[in-house]
């Protein structure tokens, strides 16, 4: 029985190669899951473009940060992972349906407020298509109420971008927020004094508790000591102490490895959330969308990797899948 459980876990952790799609340049290698391959079966995050790994100059910049894996776990995702506001949840009767863009039409199971950590039954996941031309992978989800397209593409040997298009084909306005959790490991796991986040404004917000491990500064966020065990921190409603418009820009770096990722969006940030546990730290920018029937909304996020020093022996190389001889397979032009 134990052997069967281990085999099942291995199968889920390593989907068949033909259910993965890759993009590769001279220095940057990205592996993505197709929406139906079963790696992520939760209903919290967008299933378009679920990342498997991001490797830059041989180092895993985004990898499997979670300590245990369950495909139904709400946060069994990595790298740039996006979540949309539910559409029509409050109006849905018990047993009725509501929309979660990038997931599908879900069933309301109780009279409680919507809970992003819950697993909701999927009545209709829509029609998914995946197209790849080597440098670009396009995921498209079609339901009667909307068409959602996400393009992940290489911009250089140092970076990639995600372009989203949401088309309202229904009768009701699609309105809410979408945020990106940004699960970047930058070569190793952990959250501590080597990890830094810089913002173009002095951040203020609402801490979820009293912490002796982290503070907000004029530059961004800094840790005074490593987080340990089950310890976690969170600041909600991150905005600028100066007020005004929030540019969608920030940089996360690890001083110990010299690695960094610079993030730039072409829309304004409404607010952000800062969250970390002992394995990873994440800055989560939110932007709003308000798409009337018959109209569309497009936005783009760019990611650029950098290195300020030679690689150290503390960095984690991407070896798990490839050392087993299982390589991603390039998709045909459509799936």
C-alpha atoms as a PDB file:
ATOM      1  CA  UNK A   1       0.000   0.000   0.000  1.00  0.00           C
ATOM      2  CA  UNK A   2       2.865   2.364   0.891  1.00  0.00           C
ATOM      3  CA  UNK A   3       4.598   1.552  -2.391  1.00  0.00           C
ATOM      4  CA  UNK A   4       1.381   2.298  -4.318  1.00  0.00           C
ATOM      5  CA  UNK A   5       1.063   5.671  -2.532  1.00  0.00           C
ATOM      6  CA  UNK A   6       4.659   6.570  -3.352  1.00  0.00           C
ATOM      7  CA  UNK A   7       4.177   5.611  -6.987  1.00  0.00           C
ATOM      8  CA  UNK A   8       1.000   7.719  -7.184  1.00  0.00           C
ATOM      9  CA  UNK A   9       2.785  10.717  -5.644  1.00  0.00           C
ATOM     10  CA  UNK A  10       5.658  10.342  -8.121  1.00  0.00           C
ATOM     11  CA  UNK A  11       3.226  10.119 -11.035  1.00  0.00           C
ATOM     12  CA  UNK A  12       1.408  13.288  -9.965  1.00  0.00           C
ATOM     13  CA  UNK A  13       4.635  15.168  -9.299  1.00  0.00           C
ATOM     14  CA  UNK A  14       6.027  14.251 -12.731  1.00  0.00           C
ATOM     15  CA  UNK A  15       3.288  14.500 -15.388  1.00  0.00           C
ATOM     16  CA  UNK A  16       3.849  12.795 -18.752  1.00  0.00           C
ATOM     17  CA  UNK A  17       6.332  14.677 -20.906  1.00  0.00           C
ATOM     18  CA  UNK A  18       3.761  15.223 -23.647  1.00  0.00           C
ATOM     19  CA  UNK A  19       1.586  17.222 -21.205  1.00  0.00           C
ATOM     20  CA  UNK A  20       4.352  19.791 -20.704  1.00  0.00           C
ATOM     21  CA  UNK A  21       5.498  22.556 -22.995  1.00  0.00           C
ATOM     22  CA  UNK A  22       8.843  24.330 -22.956  1.00  0.00           C
ATOM     23  CA  UNK A  23      10.479  27.498 -24.193  1.00  0.00           C
ATOM     24  CA  UNK A  24      14.244  27.656 -24.321  1.00  0.00           C
ATOM     25  CA  UNK A  25      16.832  30.264 -25.216  1.00  0.00           C
ATOM     26  CA  UNK A  26      20.581  30.167 -24.734  1.00  0.00           C
ATOM     27  CA  UNK A  27      20.300  31.067 -21.048  1.00  0.00           C
ATOM     28  CA  UNK A  28      16.616  30.820 -20.130  1.00  0.00           C
ATOM     29  CA  UNK A  29      14.524  27.635 -20.006  1.00  0.00           C
ATOM     30  CA  UNK A  30      10.839  27.651 -18.999  1.00  0.00           C
ATOM     31  CA  UNK A  31       8.602  24.600 -18.556  1.00  0.00           C
ATOM     32  CA  UNK A  32       4.800  24.964 -18.327  1.00  0.00           C
ATOM     33  CA  UNK A  33       1.964  22.581 -17.585  1.00  0.00           C
ATOM     34  CA  UNK A  34      -1.003  22.229 -19.913  1.00  0.00           C
ATOM     35  CA  UNK A  35      -4.332  22.993 -18.158  1.00  0.00           C
ATOM     36  CA  UNK A  36      -5.645  19.433 -18.183  1.00  0.00           C
ATOM     37  CA  UNK A  37      -2.556  17.446 -17.217  1.00  0.00           C
ATOM     38  CA  UNK A  38      -3.541  17.166 -13.566  1.00  0.00           C
ATOM     39  CA  UNK A  39      -0.530  18.797 -11.909  1.00  0.00           C
ATOM     40  CA  UNK A  40      -2.721  21.566 -10.466  1.00  0.00           C
ATOM     41  CA  UNK A  41      -6.342  20.639  -9.719  1.00  0.00           C
ATOM     42  CA  UNK A  42      -7.158  23.376  -7.253  1.00  0.00           C
ATOM     43  CA  UNK A  43      -9.760  26.056  -7.966  1.00  0.00           C
ATOM     44  CA  UNK A  44      -7.910  29.069  -6.560  1.00  0.00           C
ATOM     45  CA  UNK A  45      -5.331  29.882  -9.240  1.00  0.00           C
ATOM     46  CA  UNK A  46      -5.611  30.392 -12.982  1.00  0.00           C
ATOM     47  CA  UNK A  47      -4.834  27.072 -14.719  1.00  0.00           C
ATOM     48  CA  UNK A  48      -3.472  28.743 -17.844  1.00  0.00           C
ATOM     49  CA  UNK A  49       0.297  28.658 -17.864  1.00  0.00           C
ATOM     50  CA  UNK A  50       0.964  26.902 -14.560  1.00  0.00           C
ATOM     51  CA  UNK A  51       4.758  26.928 -14.333  1.00  0.00           C
ATOM     52  CA  UNK A  52       6.783  23.786 -13.677  1.00  0.00           C
ATOM     53  CA  UNK A  53      10.180  25.489 -13.527  1.00  0.00           C
ATOM     54  CA  UNK A  54      12.076  28.589 -14.623  1.00  0.00           C
ATOM     55  CA  UNK A  55      15.799  28.009 -15.108  1.00  0.00           C
ATOM     56  CA  UNK A  56      18.143  30.900 -15.866  1.00  0.00           C
ATOM     57  CA  UNK A  57      21.840  30.304 -16.442  1.00  0.00           C
ATOM     58  CA  UNK A  58      21.456  26.811 -14.975  1.00  0.00           C
ATOM     59  CA  UNK A  59      19.834  27.938 -11.722  1.00  0.00           C
ATOM     60  CA  UNK A  60      16.206  27.350 -10.793  1.00  0.00           C
ATOM     61  CA  UNK A  61      14.681  30.795 -10.310  1.00  0.00           C
ATOM     62  CA  UNK A  62      11.219  29.337  -9.641  1.00  0.00           C
ATOM     63  CA  UNK A  63      10.831  25.792  -8.394  1.00  0.00           C
ATOM     64  CA  UNK A  64       8.691  23.624  -6.153  1.00  0.00           C
ATOM     65  CA  UNK A  65       8.790  25.562  -2.932  1.00  0.00           C
ATOM     66  CA  UNK A  66       6.061  23.609  -1.118  1.00  0.00           C
ATOM     67  CA  UNK A  67       7.130  21.031   1.454  1.00  0.00           C
ATOM     68  CA  UNK A  68       4.397  18.532   0.575  1.00  0.00           C
ATOM     69  CA  UNK A  69       2.512  18.147  -2.689  1.00  0.00           C
ATOM     70  CA  UNK A  70      -1.166  17.523  -3.390  1.00  0.00           C
ATOM     71  CA  UNK A  71      -2.636  18.440  -6.794  1.00  0.00           C
ATOM     72  CA  UNK A  72      -5.814  19.651  -5.025  1.00  0.00           C
ATOM     73  CA  UNK A  73      -3.853  21.847  -2.636  1.00  0.00           C
ATOM     74  CA  UNK A  74      -4.890  25.457  -3.227  1.00  0.00           C
ATOM     75  CA  UNK A  75      -1.301  26.719  -3.572  1.00  0.00           C
ATOM     76  CA  UNK A  76       0.424  23.813  -5.361  1.00  0.00           C
ATOM     77  CA  UNK A  77       1.775  26.285  -7.925  1.00  0.00           C
ATOM     78  CA  UNK A  78       5.070  28.101  -8.448  1.00  0.00           C
ATOM     79  CA  UNK A  79       6.583  31.086 -10.217  1.00  0.00           C
ATOM     80  CA  UNK A  80       4.055  33.642 -11.510  1.00  0.00           C
ATOM     81  CA  UNK A  81       0.675  32.295 -10.342  1.00  0.00           C
ATOM     82  CA  UNK A  82      -2.447  34.386 -10.867  1.00  0.00           C
ATOM     83  CA  UNK A  83      -5.858  34.479  -9.212  1.00  0.00           C
ATOM     84  CA  UNK A  84      -8.983  36.324 -10.361  1.00  0.00           C
ATOM     85  CA  UNK A  85     -11.883  37.525  -8.243  1.00  0.00           C
ATOM     86  CA  UNK A  86     -14.913  35.230  -8.353  1.00  0.00           C
ATOM     87  CA  UNK A  87     -17.694  36.519 -10.611  1.00  0.00           C
ATOM     88  CA  UNK A  88     -21.300  36.147  -9.424  1.00  0.00           C
ATOM     89  CA  UNK A  89     -20.611  34.242  -6.217  1.00  0.00           C
ATOM     90  CA  UNK A  90     -22.826  36.400  -3.990  1.00  0.00           C
ATOM     91  CA  UNK A  91     -25.705  36.158  -6.476  1.00  0.00           C
ATOM     92  CA  UNK A  92     -25.421  32.380  -6.875  1.00  0.00           C
ATOM     93  CA  UNK A  93     -27.905  30.257  -4.937  1.00  0.00           C
ATOM     94  CA  UNK A  94     -26.783  27.141  -3.078  1.00  0.00           C
ATOM     95  CA  UNK A  95     -25.952  24.667  -5.830  1.00  0.00           C
ATOM     96  CA  UNK A  96     -25.828  27.487  -8.381  1.00  0.00           C
ATOM     97  CA  UNK A  97     -22.763  28.482 -10.351  1.00  0.00           C
ATOM     98  CA  UNK A  98     -20.264  31.339 -10.441  1.00  0.00           C
ATOM     99  CA  UNK A  99     -17.242  32.107 -12.599  1.00  0.00           C
ATOM    100  CA  UNK A 100     -13.557  31.892 -11.779  1.00  0.00           C
ATOM    101  CA  UNK A 101     -11.568  33.127 -14.785  1.00  0.00           C
ATOM    102  CA  UNK A 102      -8.854  30.659 -15.738  1.00  0.00           C
ATOM    103  CA  UNK A 103     -10.639  27.845 -13.902  1.00  0.00           C
ATOM    104  CA  UNK A 104     -14.220  27.758 -15.171  1.00  0.00           C
ATOM    105  CA  UNK A 105     -17.787  27.671 -13.938  1.00  0.00           C
ATOM    106  CA  UNK A 106     -17.808  26.555 -10.293  1.00  0.00           C
ATOM    107  CA  UNK A 107     -20.596  25.377  -7.980  1.00  0.00           C
ATOM    108  CA  UNK A 108     -21.472  27.220  -4.775  1.00  0.00           C
ATOM    109  CA  UNK A 109     -21.615  24.553  -2.063  1.00  0.00           C
ATOM    110  CA  UNK A 110     -22.667  26.500   1.051  1.00  0.00           C
ATOM    111  CA  UNK A 111     -24.036  29.794   2.326  1.00  0.00           C
ATOM    112  CA  UNK A 112     -20.669  31.038   3.592  1.00  0.00           C
ATOM    113  CA  UNK A 113     -18.671  33.845   1.972  1.00  0.00           C
ATOM    114  CA  UNK A 114     -16.336  32.848  -0.840  1.00  0.00           C
ATOM    115  CA  UNK A 115     -13.151  31.187   0.450  1.00  0.00           C
ATOM    116  CA  UNK A 116     -10.174  31.132  -1.934  1.00  0.00           C
ATOM    117  CA  UNK A 117      -8.633  28.274   0.058  1.00  0.00           C
ATOM    118  CA  UNK A 118     -11.634  25.989  -0.501  1.00  0.00           C
ATOM    119  CA  UNK A 119     -11.987  23.487  -3.330  1.00  0.00           C
ATOM    120  CA  UNK A 120     -15.184  24.078  -5.335  1.00  0.00           C
ATOM    121  CA  UNK A 121     -16.701  21.579  -7.785  1.00  0.00           C
ATOM    122  CA  UNK A 122     -16.176  22.546 -11.432  1.00  0.00           C
ATOM    123  CA  UNK A 123     -19.339  22.308 -13.498  1.00  0.00           C
ATOM    124  CA  UNK A 124     -17.719  23.487 -16.728  1.00  0.00           C
ATOM    125  CA  UNK A 125     -14.014  24.132 -17.300  1.00  0.00           C
ATOM    126  CA  UNK A 126     -14.685  25.489 -20.791  1.00  0.00           C
ATOM    127  CA  UNK A 127     -12.840  24.665 -23.984  1.00  0.00           C
ATOM    128  CA  UNK A 128      -9.066  24.896 -23.649  1.00  0.00           C
ATOM    129  CA  UNK A 129      -6.541  25.188 -26.465  1.00  0.00           C
ATOM    130  CA  UNK A 130      -2.752  25.436 -26.250  1.00  0.00           C
ATOM    131  CA  UNK A 131      -0.520  26.653 -29.058  1.00  0.00           C
ATOM    132  CA  UNK A 132       3.274  26.767 -29.103  1.00  0.00           C
ATOM    133  CA  UNK A 133       5.787  28.096 -31.617  1.00  0.00           C
ATOM    134  CA  UNK A 134       8.897  27.628 -29.505  1.00  0.00           C
ATOM    135  CA  UNK A 135       9.284  31.174 -28.167  1.00  0.00           C
ATOM    136  CA  UNK A 136       5.606  31.708 -27.295  1.00  0.00           C
ATOM    137  CA  UNK A 137       2.968  29.526 -25.650  1.00  0.00           C
ATOM    138  CA  UNK A 138      -0.663  30.679 -25.857  1.00  0.00           C
ATOM    139  CA  UNK A 139      -3.371  29.275 -23.586  1.00  0.00           C
ATOM    140  CA  UNK A 140      -7.008  30.037 -24.458  1.00  0.00           C
ATOM    141  CA  UNK A 141     -10.112  29.248 -22.407  1.00  0.00           C
ATOM    142  CA  UNK A 142     -13.574  29.717 -23.935  1.00  0.00           C
ATOM    143  CA  UNK A 143     -16.870  29.727 -22.042  1.00  0.00           C
ATOM    144  CA  UNK A 144     -20.163  31.353 -23.083  1.00  0.00           C
ATOM    145  CA  UNK A 145     -19.456  34.260 -20.705  1.00  0.00           C
ATOM    146  CA  UNK A 146     -15.855  35.051 -21.696  1.00  0.00           C
ATOM    147  CA  UNK A 147     -12.771  34.196 -23.697  1.00  0.00           C
ATOM    148  CA  UNK A 148      -9.518  34.348 -21.783  1.00  0.00           C
ATOM    149  CA  UNK A 149      -6.131  34.229 -23.496  1.00  0.00           C
ATOM    150  CA  UNK A 150      -2.726  34.123 -21.805  1.00  0.00           C
ATOM    151  CA  UNK A 151       0.496  34.325 -23.805  1.00  0.00           C
ATOM    152  CA  UNK A 152       3.813  33.444 -22.161  1.00  0.00           C
ATOM    153  CA  UNK A 153       6.768  34.417 -24.342  1.00  0.00           C
ATOM    154  CA  UNK A 154      10.511  34.952 -24.195  1.00  0.00           C
ATOM    155  CA  UNK A 155      11.664  38.562 -24.504  1.00  0.00           C
ATOM    156  CA  UNK A 156      15.427  37.931 -24.289  1.00  0.00           C
ATOM    157  CA  UNK A 157      17.901  35.500 -22.758  1.00  0.00           C
ATOM    158  CA  UNK A 158      17.278  37.356 -19.498  1.00  0.00           C
ATOM    159  CA  UNK A 159      13.500  37.446 -19.364  1.00  0.00           C
ATOM    160  CA  UNK A 160       9.969  36.657 -20.426  1.00  0.00           C
ATOM    161  CA  UNK A 161       6.557  38.295 -20.394  1.00  0.00           C
ATOM    162  CA  UNK A 162       2.937  37.319 -19.817  1.00  0.00           C
ATOM    163  CA  UNK A 163       0.262  39.037 -21.904  1.00  0.00           C
ATOM    164  CA  UNK A 164      -3.384  38.555 -20.910  1.00  0.00           C
ATOM    165  CA  UNK A 165      -6.549  39.303 -22.865  1.00  0.00           C
ATOM    166  CA  UNK A 166     -10.021  38.993 -21.335  1.00  0.00           C
ATOM    167  CA  UNK A 167     -12.961  39.293 -23.740  1.00  0.00           C
ATOM    168  CA  UNK A 168     -16.453  39.622 -22.289  1.00  0.00           C
ATOM    169  CA  UNK A 169     -18.810  37.549 -24.469  1.00  0.00           C
ATOM    170  CA  UNK A 170     -21.599  37.397 -21.884  1.00  0.00           C
ATOM    171  CA  UNK A 171     -24.345  39.701 -20.691  1.00  0.00           C
ATOM    172  CA  UNK A 172     -22.868  40.882 -17.378  1.00  0.00           C
ATOM    173  CA  UNK A 173     -19.838  43.061 -16.689  1.00  0.00           C
ATOM    174  CA  UNK A 174     -16.737  41.201 -15.551  1.00  0.00           C
ATOM    175  CA  UNK A 175     -15.264  43.240 -12.711  1.00  0.00           C
ATOM    176  CA  UNK A 176     -12.772  42.594  -9.953  1.00  0.00           C
ATOM    177  CA  UNK A 177      -9.098  42.151  -9.214  1.00  0.00           C
ATOM    178  CA  UNK A 178      -6.360  39.843 -10.419  1.00  0.00           C
ATOM    179  CA  UNK A 179      -3.068  39.410  -8.609  1.00  0.00           C
ATOM    180  CA  UNK A 180       0.143  37.501  -9.170  1.00  0.00           C
ATOM    181  CA  UNK A 181       1.567  35.567  -6.227  1.00  0.00           C
ATOM    182  CA  UNK A 182       5.144  35.492  -7.644  1.00  0.00           C
ATOM    183  CA  UNK A 183       6.553  32.328  -6.063  1.00  0.00           C
ATOM    184  CA  UNK A 184      10.222  32.943  -6.949  1.00  0.00           C
ATOM    185  CA  UNK A 185      12.924  30.918  -5.194  1.00  0.00           C
ATOM    186  CA  UNK A 186      15.956  32.679  -6.788  1.00  0.00           C
ATOM    187  CA  UNK A 187      18.186  29.632  -6.506  1.00  0.00           C
ATOM    188  CA  UNK A 188      17.373  28.501  -2.977  1.00  0.00           C
ATOM    189  CA  UNK A 189      14.590  28.223  -0.418  1.00  0.00           C
ATOM    190  CA  UNK A 190      14.128  30.444   2.618  1.00  0.00           C
ATOM    191  CA  UNK A 191      13.153  33.952   3.757  1.00  0.00           C
ATOM    192  CA  UNK A 192      15.663  35.966   5.758  1.00  0.00           C
ATOM    193  CA  UNK A 193      18.080  38.934   5.758  1.00  0.00           C
ATOM    194  CA  UNK A 194      19.490  38.075   2.305  1.00  0.00           C
ATOM    195  CA  UNK A 195      16.027  38.466   0.733  1.00  0.00           C
ATOM    196  CA  UNK A 196      15.019  42.009  -0.237  1.00  0.00           C
ATOM    197  CA  UNK A 197      12.132  43.604  -2.113  1.00  0.00           C
ATOM    198  CA  UNK A 198      12.462  47.112  -3.537  1.00  0.00           C
ATOM    199  CA  UNK A 199       9.455  49.216  -4.517  1.00  0.00           C
ATOM    200  CA  UNK A 200       9.324  52.646  -6.239  1.00  0.00           C
ATOM    201  CA  UNK A 201       7.458  54.000  -3.200  1.00  0.00           C
ATOM    202  CA  UNK A 202       7.724  53.657   0.614  1.00  0.00           C
ATOM    203  CA  UNK A 203       5.227  50.892   1.460  1.00  0.00           C
ATOM    204  CA  UNK A 204       2.671  51.062   4.238  1.00  0.00           C
ATOM    205  CA  UNK A 205      -0.092  48.596   4.986  1.00  0.00           C
ATOM    206  CA  UNK A 206      -1.759  46.433   7.589  1.00  0.00           C
ATOM    207  CA  UNK A 207       0.391  43.773   9.258  1.00  0.00           C
ATOM    208  CA  UNK A 208      -1.509  40.609  10.187  1.00  0.00           C
ATOM    209  CA  UNK A 209       0.393  40.394  13.466  1.00  0.00           C
ATOM    210  CA  UNK A 210       3.292  41.763  15.483  1.00  0.00           C
ATOM    211  CA  UNK A 211       6.544  40.528  13.921  1.00  0.00           C
ATOM    212  CA  UNK A 212      10.141  40.830  15.111  1.00  0.00           C
ATOM    213  CA  UNK A 213      11.533  39.394  11.869  1.00  0.00           C
ATOM    214  CA  UNK A 214      10.591  41.906   9.177  1.00  0.00           C
ATOM    215  CA  UNK A 215       9.920  45.589   8.584  1.00  0.00           C
ATOM    216  CA  UNK A 216       8.881  47.961   5.833  1.00  0.00           C
ATOM    217  CA  UNK A 217      11.454  50.619   4.914  1.00  0.00           C
ATOM    218  CA  UNK A 218      11.577  53.543   2.513  1.00  0.00           C
ATOM    219  CA  UNK A 219      12.963  51.172  -0.102  1.00  0.00           C
ATOM    220  CA  UNK A 220      10.630  48.198   0.403  1.00  0.00           C
ATOM    221  CA  UNK A 221      10.766  45.182   2.736  1.00  0.00           C
ATOM    222  CA  UNK A 222      13.676  43.800   4.774  1.00  0.00           C
ATOM    223  CA  UNK A 223      14.062  40.808   7.109  1.00  0.00           C
ATOM    224  CA  UNK A 224      16.120  41.066  10.316  1.00  0.00           C
ATOM    225  CA  UNK A 225      16.343  37.284  10.791  1.00  0.00           C
ATOM    226  CA  UNK A 226      15.324  34.083   8.971  1.00  0.00           C
ATOM    227  CA  UNK A 227      11.798  32.760   9.368  1.00  0.00           C
ATOM    228  CA  UNK A 228      11.729  29.315  10.951  1.00  0.00           C
ATOM    229  CA  UNK A 229       9.418  26.319  11.210  1.00  0.00           C
ATOM    230  CA  UNK A 230       5.739  27.207  10.747  1.00  0.00           C
ATOM    231  CA  UNK A 231       6.400  30.929  11.116  1.00  0.00           C
ATOM    232  CA  UNK A 232       4.835  33.243   8.525  1.00  0.00           C
ATOM    233  CA  UNK A 233       4.259  36.964   8.063  1.00  0.00           C
ATOM    234  CA  UNK A 234       1.827  39.034   6.012  1.00  0.00           C
ATOM    235  CA  UNK A 235       1.073  42.668   5.259  1.00  0.00           C
ATOM    236  CA  UNK A 236      -2.253  43.420   3.548  1.00  0.00           C
ATOM    237  CA  UNK A 237      -3.326  46.463   1.552  1.00  0.00           C
ATOM    238  CA  UNK A 238       0.214  47.574   0.714  1.00  0.00           C
ATOM    239  CA  UNK A 239       0.168  51.108  -0.703  1.00  0.00           C
ATOM    240  CA  UNK A 240       2.437  54.145  -0.857  1.00  0.00           C
ATOM    241  CA  UNK A 241       3.012  56.305   2.211  1.00  0.00           C
ATOM    242  CA  UNK A 242       2.949  59.252  -0.202  1.00  0.00           C
ATOM    243  CA  UNK A 243      -0.434  58.297  -1.659  1.00  0.00           C
ATOM    244  CA  UNK A 244      -1.202  58.593  -5.348  1.00  0.00           C
ATOM    245  CA  UNK A 245      -0.918  56.107  -8.212  1.00  0.00           C
ATOM    246  CA  UNK A 246       1.089  52.946  -7.594  1.00  0.00           C
ATOM    247  CA  UNK A 247       3.403  51.986 -10.476  1.00  0.00           C
ATOM    248  CA  UNK A 248       3.411  48.235 -11.193  1.00  0.00           C
ATOM    249  CA  UNK A 249       7.156  47.892 -10.571  1.00  0.00           C
ATOM    250  CA  UNK A 250       9.327  46.073  -8.048  1.00  0.00           C
ATOM    251  CA  UNK A 251      12.531  44.068  -7.750  1.00  0.00           C
ATOM    252  CA  UNK A 252      13.164  41.029  -5.577  1.00  0.00           C
ATOM    253  CA  UNK A 253      16.742  39.921  -4.893  1.00  0.00           C
ATOM    254  CA  UNK A 254      18.787  37.483  -2.849  1.00  0.00           C
ATOM    255  CA  UNK A 255      21.947  39.224  -1.660  1.00  0.00           C
ATOM    256  CA  UNK A 256      23.575  35.902  -0.858  1.00  0.00           C
ATOM    257  CA  UNK A 257      23.359  34.538  -4.398  1.00  0.00           C
ATOM    258  CA  UNK A 258      23.279  37.889  -6.213  1.00  0.00           C
ATOM    259  CA  UNK A 259      20.200  36.783  -8.148  1.00  0.00           C
ATOM    260  CA  UNK A 260      17.213  39.022  -8.768  1.00  0.00           C
ATOM    261  CA  UNK A 261      13.993  39.335 -10.716  1.00  0.00           C
ATOM    262  CA  UNK A 262      12.656  42.713 -11.862  1.00  0.00           C
ATOM    263  CA  UNK A 263       8.907  42.871 -12.463  1.00  0.00           C
ATOM    264  CA  UNK A 264       7.165  45.521 -14.587  1.00  0.00           C
ATOM    265  CA  UNK A 265       3.470  45.761 -15.496  1.00  0.00           C
ATOM    266  CA  UNK A 266       1.868  48.043 -18.086  1.00  0.00           C
ATOM    267  CA  UNK A 267      -1.092  48.845 -15.814  1.00  0.00           C
ATOM    268  CA  UNK A 268      -1.249  50.526 -12.419  1.00  0.00           C
ATOM    269  CA  UNK A 269      -1.109  48.520  -9.238  1.00  0.00           C
ATOM    270  CA  UNK A 270      -4.227  48.920  -7.090  1.00  0.00           C
ATOM    271  CA  UNK A 271      -2.471  47.576  -3.990  1.00  0.00           C
ATOM    272  CA  UNK A 272      -0.264  44.658  -3.015  1.00  0.00           C
ATOM    273  CA  UNK A 273       0.126  41.941  -0.394  1.00  0.00           C
ATOM    274  CA  UNK A 274       3.450  40.896   1.114  1.00  0.00           C
ATOM    275  CA  UNK A 275       3.587  37.312   2.396  1.00  0.00           C
ATOM    276  CA  UNK A 276       6.346  34.938   3.464  1.00  0.00           C
ATOM    277  CA  UNK A 277       6.967  31.693   5.311  1.00  0.00           C
ATOM    278  CA  UNK A 278      10.173  29.862   6.163  1.00  0.00           C
ATOM    279  CA  UNK A 279      10.539  28.574   2.601  1.00  0.00           C
ATOM    280  CA  UNK A 280       9.670  31.533   0.363  1.00  0.00           C
ATOM    281  CA  UNK A 281       8.757  35.238   0.310  1.00  0.00           C
ATOM    282  CA  UNK A 282       6.346  36.803  -2.185  1.00  0.00           C
ATOM    283  CA  UNK A 283       5.260  40.272  -3.237  1.00  0.00           C
ATOM    284  CA  UNK A 284       1.762  40.070  -4.745  1.00  0.00           C
ATOM    285  CA  UNK A 285       0.614  43.070  -6.845  1.00  0.00           C
ATOM    286  CA  UNK A 286      -3.104  43.474  -7.585  1.00  0.00           C
ATOM    287  CA  UNK A 287      -4.575  45.232 -10.616  1.00  0.00           C
ATOM    288  CA  UNK A 288      -8.216  45.854 -11.384  1.00  0.00           C
ATOM    289  CA  UNK A 289     -10.294  44.959 -14.425  1.00  0.00           C
ATOM    290  CA  UNK A 290     -13.733  46.161 -15.468  1.00  0.00           C
ATOM    291  CA  UNK A 291     -14.832  44.631 -18.765  1.00  0.00           C
ATOM    292  CA  UNK A 292     -18.281  45.491 -20.105  1.00  0.00           C
ATOM    293  CA  UNK A 293     -20.153  43.080 -22.416  1.00  0.00           C
ATOM    294  CA  UNK A 294     -18.714  43.141 -25.923  1.00  0.00           C
ATOM    295  CA  UNK A 295     -15.406  44.708 -24.829  1.00  0.00           C
ATOM    296  CA  UNK A 296     -11.973  43.389 -23.866  1.00  0.00           C
ATOM    297  CA  UNK A 297      -9.072  44.220 -21.562  1.00  0.00           C
ATOM    298  CA  UNK A 298      -5.376  43.456 -22.183  1.00  0.00           C
ATOM    299  CA  UNK A 299      -2.480  43.787 -19.752  1.00  0.00           C
ATOM    300  CA  UNK A 300       1.141  42.628 -19.695  1.00  0.00           C
ATOM    301  CA  UNK A 301       3.747  41.770 -17.054  1.00  0.00           C
ATOM    302  CA  UNK A 302       7.485  41.547 -17.822  1.00  0.00           C
ATOM    303  CA  UNK A 303      10.064  39.592 -15.815  1.00  0.00           C
ATOM    304  CA  UNK A 304      13.822  40.202 -16.126  1.00  0.00           C
ATOM    305  CA  UNK A 305      16.484  38.188 -14.294  1.00  0.00           C
ATOM    306  CA  UNK A 306      19.835  39.541 -13.125  1.00  0.00           C
ATOM    307  CA  UNK A 307      22.954  38.445 -11.274  1.00  0.00           C
ATOM    308  CA  UNK A 308      25.334  40.784  -9.430  1.00  0.00           C
ATOM    309  CA  UNK A 309      27.935  38.210  -8.460  1.00  0.00           C
ATOM    310  CA  UNK A 310      29.301  34.775  -9.293  1.00  0.00           C
ATOM    311  CA  UNK A 311      27.060  31.835  -8.502  1.00  0.00           C
ATOM    312  CA  UNK A 312      27.659  30.389  -5.059  1.00  0.00           C
ATOM    313  CA  UNK A 313      27.516  26.766  -3.963  1.00  0.00           C
ATOM    314  CA  UNK A 314      24.371  27.526  -1.922  1.00  0.00           C
ATOM    315  CA  UNK A 315      22.226  27.838  -5.050  1.00  0.00           C
ATOM    316  CA  UNK A 316      19.860  25.037  -5.987  1.00  0.00           C
ATOM    317  CA  UNK A 317      20.275  23.675  -9.492  1.00  0.00           C
ATOM    318  CA  UNK A 318      17.356  22.276 -11.464  1.00  0.00           C
ATOM    319  CA  UNK A 319      18.127  18.562 -11.478  1.00  0.00           C
ATOM    320  CA  UNK A 320      15.082  16.665 -10.288  1.00  0.00           C
ATOM    321  CA  UNK A 321      13.156  16.135 -13.531  1.00  0.00           C
ATOM    322  CA  UNK A 322      16.096  16.181 -15.910  1.00  0.00           C
ATOM    323  CA  UNK A 323      18.317  13.914 -13.823  1.00  0.00           C
ATOM    324  CA  UNK A 324      15.584  11.303 -14.145  1.00  0.00           C
ATOM    325  CA  UNK A 325      15.838  11.543 -17.910  1.00  0.00           C
ATOM    326  CA  UNK A 326      12.320  12.961 -18.300  1.00  0.00           C
ATOM    327  CA  UNK A 327      12.459  15.933 -20.656  1.00  0.00           C
ATOM    328  CA  UNK A 328       9.587  18.246 -21.614  1.00  0.00           C
ATOM    329  CA  UNK A 329       8.244  17.633 -25.062  1.00  0.00           C
ATOM    330  CA  UNK A 330       7.478  20.490 -27.438  1.00  0.00           C
ATOM    331  CA  UNK A 331       3.794  20.697 -28.238  1.00  0.00           C
ATOM    332  CA  UNK A 332       2.532  20.700 -31.799  1.00  0.00           C
ATOM    333  CA  UNK A 333       1.073  23.973 -33.061  1.00  0.00           C
ATOM    334  CA  UNK A 334      -2.267  23.219 -31.401  1.00  0.00           C
ATOM    335  CA  UNK A 335      -3.638  20.930 -28.724  1.00  0.00           C
END
